[in-house]
Amino acid sequence: MTPCVAYMRCSGKGQIDGDTWERQIAAIRSCAETKQYEIIHEYREEGISGKTDEESRPAFQAMISELLGNGCRIIIVESLDRLARQYDVQQQLATYIASKGIALISANTGEDITAALMGDPMRRALVQIQGIFAELDKNLTVAKLRKARDRKKQQNGRCEGVRGFGEDPKRPWEKPVLDYILELRNQGKYTDSIAEILESRHMMTRSGEPWRGSVIRRIVKRHVKARSQTSVGRTSRSDA
C-alpha cells in the first residue's frame, strides 16, 4: 500500500477538547482506505489559527521535514478549511507542498489539490518558481556550511557535526533518556510505544516537540551506526 500521512488542525481549546480529532481522522482514514493508502503517521496542529502560514505551524514543519527524509509523498486532510480557513493561505500552503513534490488530498472530496494546482499553467509556473528558489536557498545554505566547515578544519584541524541525542556532553540530561530508550528497545518495545512512554513520563526531546516514533527510530539508528563504527575502529587498531 502507498504510504501517506494525516494532517489535522484545530484553532481553539473548545475544539481540542471536543470531537474534532475523531471526526478529522475518521474522514482521513476512510479516504485512505478507498485509495488503498497506508497512514504511517498523524500530525496534529493544536491551537493554531487557520490564518497562519507554514512558518507558524510546528506540526506542519515537522511533517514536511520528515516526509522529505522518509520518501512518503502524500498528505491527507479532512478538508481544505482544516488546512487553512482563508483562501489565500490555502493556496500558499498548497503551493508550498506542491513545490516539495508532495501531493495534498482532501478527504471529503477525494480531490488531489496539488494535481489541480499543477493543471493550471499559471499556478504550475508559480509552483515551479517556488521550487527553484527553494532549491537555490538549499544550495546556498549547503555552500555556506561547507565553507564554515573548511574554515574550522583549517583552524582546528577537525570539524565535528551536530552530536547525536545523548552524545553531547553539553546536554548531560539526554544520556539517561537515551539509555532508557535503548533499554525499552531491547525489551522489544516498538518505537511508537517508546514515544508514548517517554511522553507519559514527561521526558524532553532536544527540540521540545512531542516524542514521535520516527524520532525514536532516528536516534536508535544513529546510536547503532556510531557503535558499529567505533567497533570497526577498535578492530582496525588492534589489527595494526
Protein backbone atom coordinates (compact mmCIF):
# COMPACT_ATOMS: atom_id res chain seq x y z
CA MET A 1 0.00 0.00 0.00
CA THR A 2 1.12 3.56 -0.72
CA PRO A 3 2.24 5.38 2.45
CA CYS A 4 0.62 8.65 3.42
CA VAL A 5 0.27 10.88 6.48
CA ALA A 6 -2.70 12.59 8.12
CA TYR A 7 -2.62 16.31 8.88
CA MET A 8 -5.19 17.73 11.30
CA ARG A 9 -5.67 21.19 12.75
CA CYS A 10 -7.89 22.92 15.27
CA SER A 11 -7.67 26.51 16.43
CA GLY A 12 -9.30 26.64 19.87
CA LYS A 13 -9.31 24.79 23.17
CA GLY A 14 -13.02 24.01 22.76
CA GLN A 15 -12.23 22.13 19.56
CA ILE A 16 -9.25 20.35 21.13
CA ASP A 17 -11.47 19.04 23.94
CA GLY A 18 -14.32 18.18 21.55
CA ASP A 19 -14.62 15.57 18.83
CA THR A 20 -12.62 17.38 16.16
CA TRP A 21 -9.73 14.89 16.15
CA GLU A 22 -12.05 11.88 15.93
CA ARG A 23 -14.04 13.47 13.11
CA GLN A 24 -11.00 14.51 11.12
CA ILE A 25 -9.12 11.22 11.43
CA ALA A 26 -12.29 9.21 10.62
CA ALA A 27 -12.66 11.09 7.32
CA ILE A 28 -8.95 10.77 6.56
CA ARG A 29 -8.89 7.03 7.30
CA SER A 30 -11.94 6.46 5.11
CA CYS A 31 -10.27 8.31 2.23
CA ALA A 32 -7.00 6.40 2.73
CA GLU A 33 -8.84 3.08 2.71
CA THR A 34 -10.68 3.98 -0.50
CA LYS A 35 -7.45 4.95 -2.24
CA GLN A 36 -5.56 1.99 -0.71
CA TYR A 37 -3.14 4.25 1.18
CA GLU A 38 -1.50 3.34 4.48
CA ILE A 39 -1.38 6.10 7.12
CA ILE A 40 2.08 5.91 8.66
CA HIS A 41 1.79 8.97 10.91
CA GLU A 42 -0.74 11.50 12.21
CA TYR A 43 0.17 15.15 12.72
CA ARG A 44 -1.95 17.38 14.96
CA GLU A 45 -1.73 21.17 14.85
CA GLU A 46 -3.24 22.16 18.19
CA GLY A 47 -4.44 25.70 18.88
CA ILE A 48 -3.22 27.05 15.54
CA SER A 49 -5.38 29.57 13.68
CA GLY A 50 -6.41 28.74 10.14
CA LYS A 51 -4.95 32.09 9.07
CA THR A 52 -1.33 31.22 9.92
CA ASP A 53 1.30 30.34 7.31
CA GLU A 54 3.70 27.38 7.33
CA GLU A 55 6.34 29.13 9.43
CA SER A 56 3.95 29.38 12.40
CA ARG A 57 2.89 25.72 12.29
CA PRO A 58 5.30 23.44 14.20
CA ALA A 59 3.48 20.19 13.32
CA PHE A 60 3.32 21.20 9.64
CA GLN A 61 7.05 21.98 9.57
CA ALA A 62 7.89 18.70 11.32
CA MET A 63 5.67 16.83 8.85
CA ILE A 64 7.30 18.34 5.74
CA SER A 65 10.78 17.76 7.16
CA GLU A 66 10.06 14.10 7.92
CA LEU A 67 8.35 13.47 4.56
CA LEU A 68 11.34 14.83 2.69
CA GLY A 69 13.50 12.41 4.66
CA ASN A 70 11.42 9.24 4.54
CA GLY A 71 10.19 9.29 0.94
CA CYS A 72 6.46 9.47 1.73
CA ARG A 73 4.83 11.94 -0.66
CA ILE A 74 1.12 12.10 0.24
CA ILE A 75 -0.71 14.23 2.83
CA ILE A 76 -4.43 13.80 3.52
CA VAL A 77 -6.51 16.48 5.24
CA GLU A 78 -10.19 16.24 6.14
CA SER A 79 -10.94 19.31 4.01
CA LEU A 80 -9.23 22.45 2.81
CA ASP A 81 -10.60 24.50 5.73
CA ARG A 82 -8.71 22.16 8.08
CA LEU A 83 -5.57 23.08 6.17
CA ALA A 84 -6.44 26.78 6.38
CA ARG A 85 -9.56 28.93 6.67
CA GLN A 86 -8.56 31.71 4.32
CA TYR A 87 -8.33 31.04 0.60
CA ASP A 88 -5.01 32.84 0.15
CA VAL A 89 -3.42 30.82 2.99
CA GLN A 90 -4.84 27.60 1.50
CA GLN A 91 -3.24 28.43 -1.83
CA GLN A 92 0.04 29.42 -0.19
CA LEU A 93 0.30 26.17 1.77
CA ALA A 94 -0.83 24.02 -1.17
CA THR A 95 1.73 25.70 -3.41
CA TYR A 96 4.42 25.18 -0.77
CA ILE A 97 3.51 21.48 -0.53
CA ALA A 98 3.47 21.06 -4.32
CA SER A 99 6.88 22.71 -4.63
CA LYS A 100 8.28 19.92 -2.44
CA GLY A 101 6.88 17.24 -4.79
CA ILE A 102 4.23 16.21 -2.24
CA ALA A 103 0.56 15.52 -3.03
CA LEU A 104 -2.23 17.02 -0.91
CA ILE A 105 -5.53 15.11 -0.81
CA SER A 106 -8.86 16.43 0.52
CA ALA A 107 -10.63 13.52 2.26
CA ASN A 108 -14.12 14.98 1.90
CA THR A 109 -13.89 15.26 -1.90
CA GLY A 110 -11.08 12.82 -2.70
CA GLU A 111 -9.53 15.55 -4.85
CA ASP A 112 -5.77 15.79 -5.35
CA ILE A 113 -5.37 19.51 -4.63
CA THR A 114 -1.78 19.71 -5.84
CA ALA A 115 -2.68 17.99 -9.13
CA ALA A 116 -5.37 20.63 -9.66
CA LEU A 117 -2.79 23.32 -8.98
CA MET A 118 -0.37 21.84 -11.48
CA GLY A 119 -3.17 21.59 -14.06
CA ASP A 120 -3.43 25.38 -14.21
CA PRO A 121 -0.49 26.73 -16.31
CA MET A 122 -0.14 29.93 -14.28
CA ARG A 123 -0.33 28.14 -10.93
CA ARG A 124 2.04 25.44 -12.17
CA ALA A 125 4.56 28.15 -13.07
CA LEU A 126 4.28 29.60 -9.56
CA VAL A 127 4.84 26.15 -8.02
CA GLN A 128 7.88 25.60 -10.25
CA ILE A 129 9.31 29.04 -9.44
CA GLN A 130 8.89 28.41 -5.71
CA GLY A 131 10.61 25.03 -6.11
CA ILE A 132 13.52 26.65 -7.96
CA PHE A 133 14.02 29.27 -5.24
CA ALA A 134 13.72 26.61 -2.51
CA GLU A 135 16.44 24.58 -4.25
CA LEU A 136 18.58 27.71 -4.65
CA ASP A 137 18.21 28.55 -0.96
CA LYS A 138 19.14 24.97 -0.02
CA ASN A 139 22.25 25.03 -2.25
CA LEU A 140 23.35 28.40 -0.86
CA THR A 141 22.94 27.11 2.69
CA VAL A 142 24.93 23.95 1.89
CA ALA A 143 27.70 26.07 0.33
CA LYS A 144 27.85 28.33 3.41
CA LEU A 145 28.04 25.33 5.76
CA ARG A 146 30.77 23.74 3.64
CA LYS A 147 32.86 26.92 3.76
CA ALA A 148 32.33 27.17 7.52
CA ARG A 149 33.47 23.55 7.99
CA ASP A 150 36.52 24.13 5.81
CA ARG A 151 37.49 27.21 7.84
CA LYS A 152 37.09 25.29 11.09
CA LYS A 153 39.19 22.42 9.77
CA GLN A 154 41.96 24.85 8.82
CA GLN A 155 41.83 26.46 12.26
CA ASN A 156 41.42 23.36 14.43
CA GLY A 157 42.42 20.50 12.17
CA ARG A 158 38.95 18.96 12.53
CA CYS A 159 35.27 19.82 12.35
CA GLU A 160 32.61 17.91 14.23
CA GLY A 161 28.99 17.90 13.19
CA VAL A 162 25.98 18.01 15.48
CA ARG A 163 26.28 15.34 18.15
CA GLY A 164 23.57 12.71 18.34
CA PHE A 165 20.96 12.63 21.08
CA GLY A 166 22.61 11.55 24.34
CA GLU A 167 26.14 12.02 22.96
CA ASP A 168 26.67 15.74 23.65
CA PRO A 169 28.49 16.45 26.95
CA LYS A 170 26.86 19.89 26.94
CA ARG A 171 23.47 18.15 27.28
CA PRO A 172 24.11 15.62 30.07
CA TRP A 173 20.36 15.22 30.73
CA GLU A 174 19.96 13.44 27.38
CA LYS A 175 22.15 10.46 28.26
CA PRO A 176 19.70 8.89 30.80
CA VAL A 177 16.88 9.31 28.27
CA LEU A 178 18.96 7.62 25.57
CA ASP A 179 19.78 4.75 27.92
CA TYR A 180 16.08 4.36 28.74
CA ILE A 181 15.18 4.35 25.01
CA LEU A 182 17.75 1.61 24.33
CA GLU A 183 16.53 -0.38 27.34
CA LEU A 184 12.93 -0.26 26.08
CA ARG A 185 14.06 -1.15 22.56
CA ASN A 186 15.97 -4.16 23.90
CA GLN A 187 12.77 -5.23 25.66
CA GLY A 188 11.12 -5.43 22.24
CA LYS A 189 9.08 -2.23 22.51
CA TYR A 190 8.10 -0.62 19.19
CA THR A 191 9.25 2.93 18.53
CA ASP A 192 5.72 4.38 18.67
CA SER A 193 5.19 2.69 22.05
CA ILE A 194 8.51 4.08 23.31
CA ALA A 195 7.43 7.56 22.22
CA GLU A 196 4.18 7.22 24.19
CA ILE A 197 6.08 6.03 27.28
CA LEU A 198 8.51 8.96 27.11
CA GLU A 199 5.60 11.39 26.70
CA SER A 200 3.81 9.88 29.70
CA ARG A 201 6.96 10.35 31.78
CA HIS A 202 7.37 13.94 30.53
CA MET A 203 10.86 13.29 29.20
CA MET A 204 12.02 16.09 26.93
CA THR A 205 13.15 15.89 23.33
CA ARG A 206 16.03 18.10 22.24
CA SER A 207 13.70 20.40 20.30
CA GLY A 208 10.93 20.48 22.91
CA GLU A 209 8.48 18.90 20.45
CA PRO A 210 6.48 15.78 21.42
CA TRP A 211 8.16 12.40 21.04
CA ARG A 212 7.35 10.51 17.83
CA GLY A 213 8.17 7.02 16.64
CA SER A 214 10.14 8.45 13.71
CA VAL A 215 12.34 10.44 16.12
CA ILE A 216 13.00 7.31 18.20
CA ARG A 217 13.93 5.38 15.05
CA ARG A 218 16.48 8.01 14.03
CA ILE A 219 18.04 8.09 17.50
CA VAL A 220 18.34 4.30 17.69
CA LYS A 221 19.65 4.04 14.12
CA ARG A 222 22.30 6.70 14.74
CA HIS A 223 23.36 5.07 18.00
CA VAL A 224 23.69 1.64 16.38
CA LYS A 225 25.68 3.12 13.48
CA ALA A 226 28.02 5.04 15.82
CA ARG A 227 28.58 1.92 17.95
CA SER A 228 29.31 -0.12 14.81
CA GLN A 229 31.84 2.44 13.56
CA THR A 230 33.51 2.50 16.98
CA SER A 231 33.79 -1.30 16.97
CA VAL A 232 35.30 -1.25 13.47
CA GLY A 233 37.79 1.40 14.54
CA ARG A 234 38.87 -0.61 17.55
CA THR A 235 39.26 -3.75 15.45
CA SER A 236 41.40 -1.88 12.91
CA ARG A 237 43.68 -0.52 15.63
CA SER A 238 44.07 -3.93 17.23
CA ASP A 239 44.92 -5.50 13.86
CA ALA A 240 47.54 -2.84 13.29
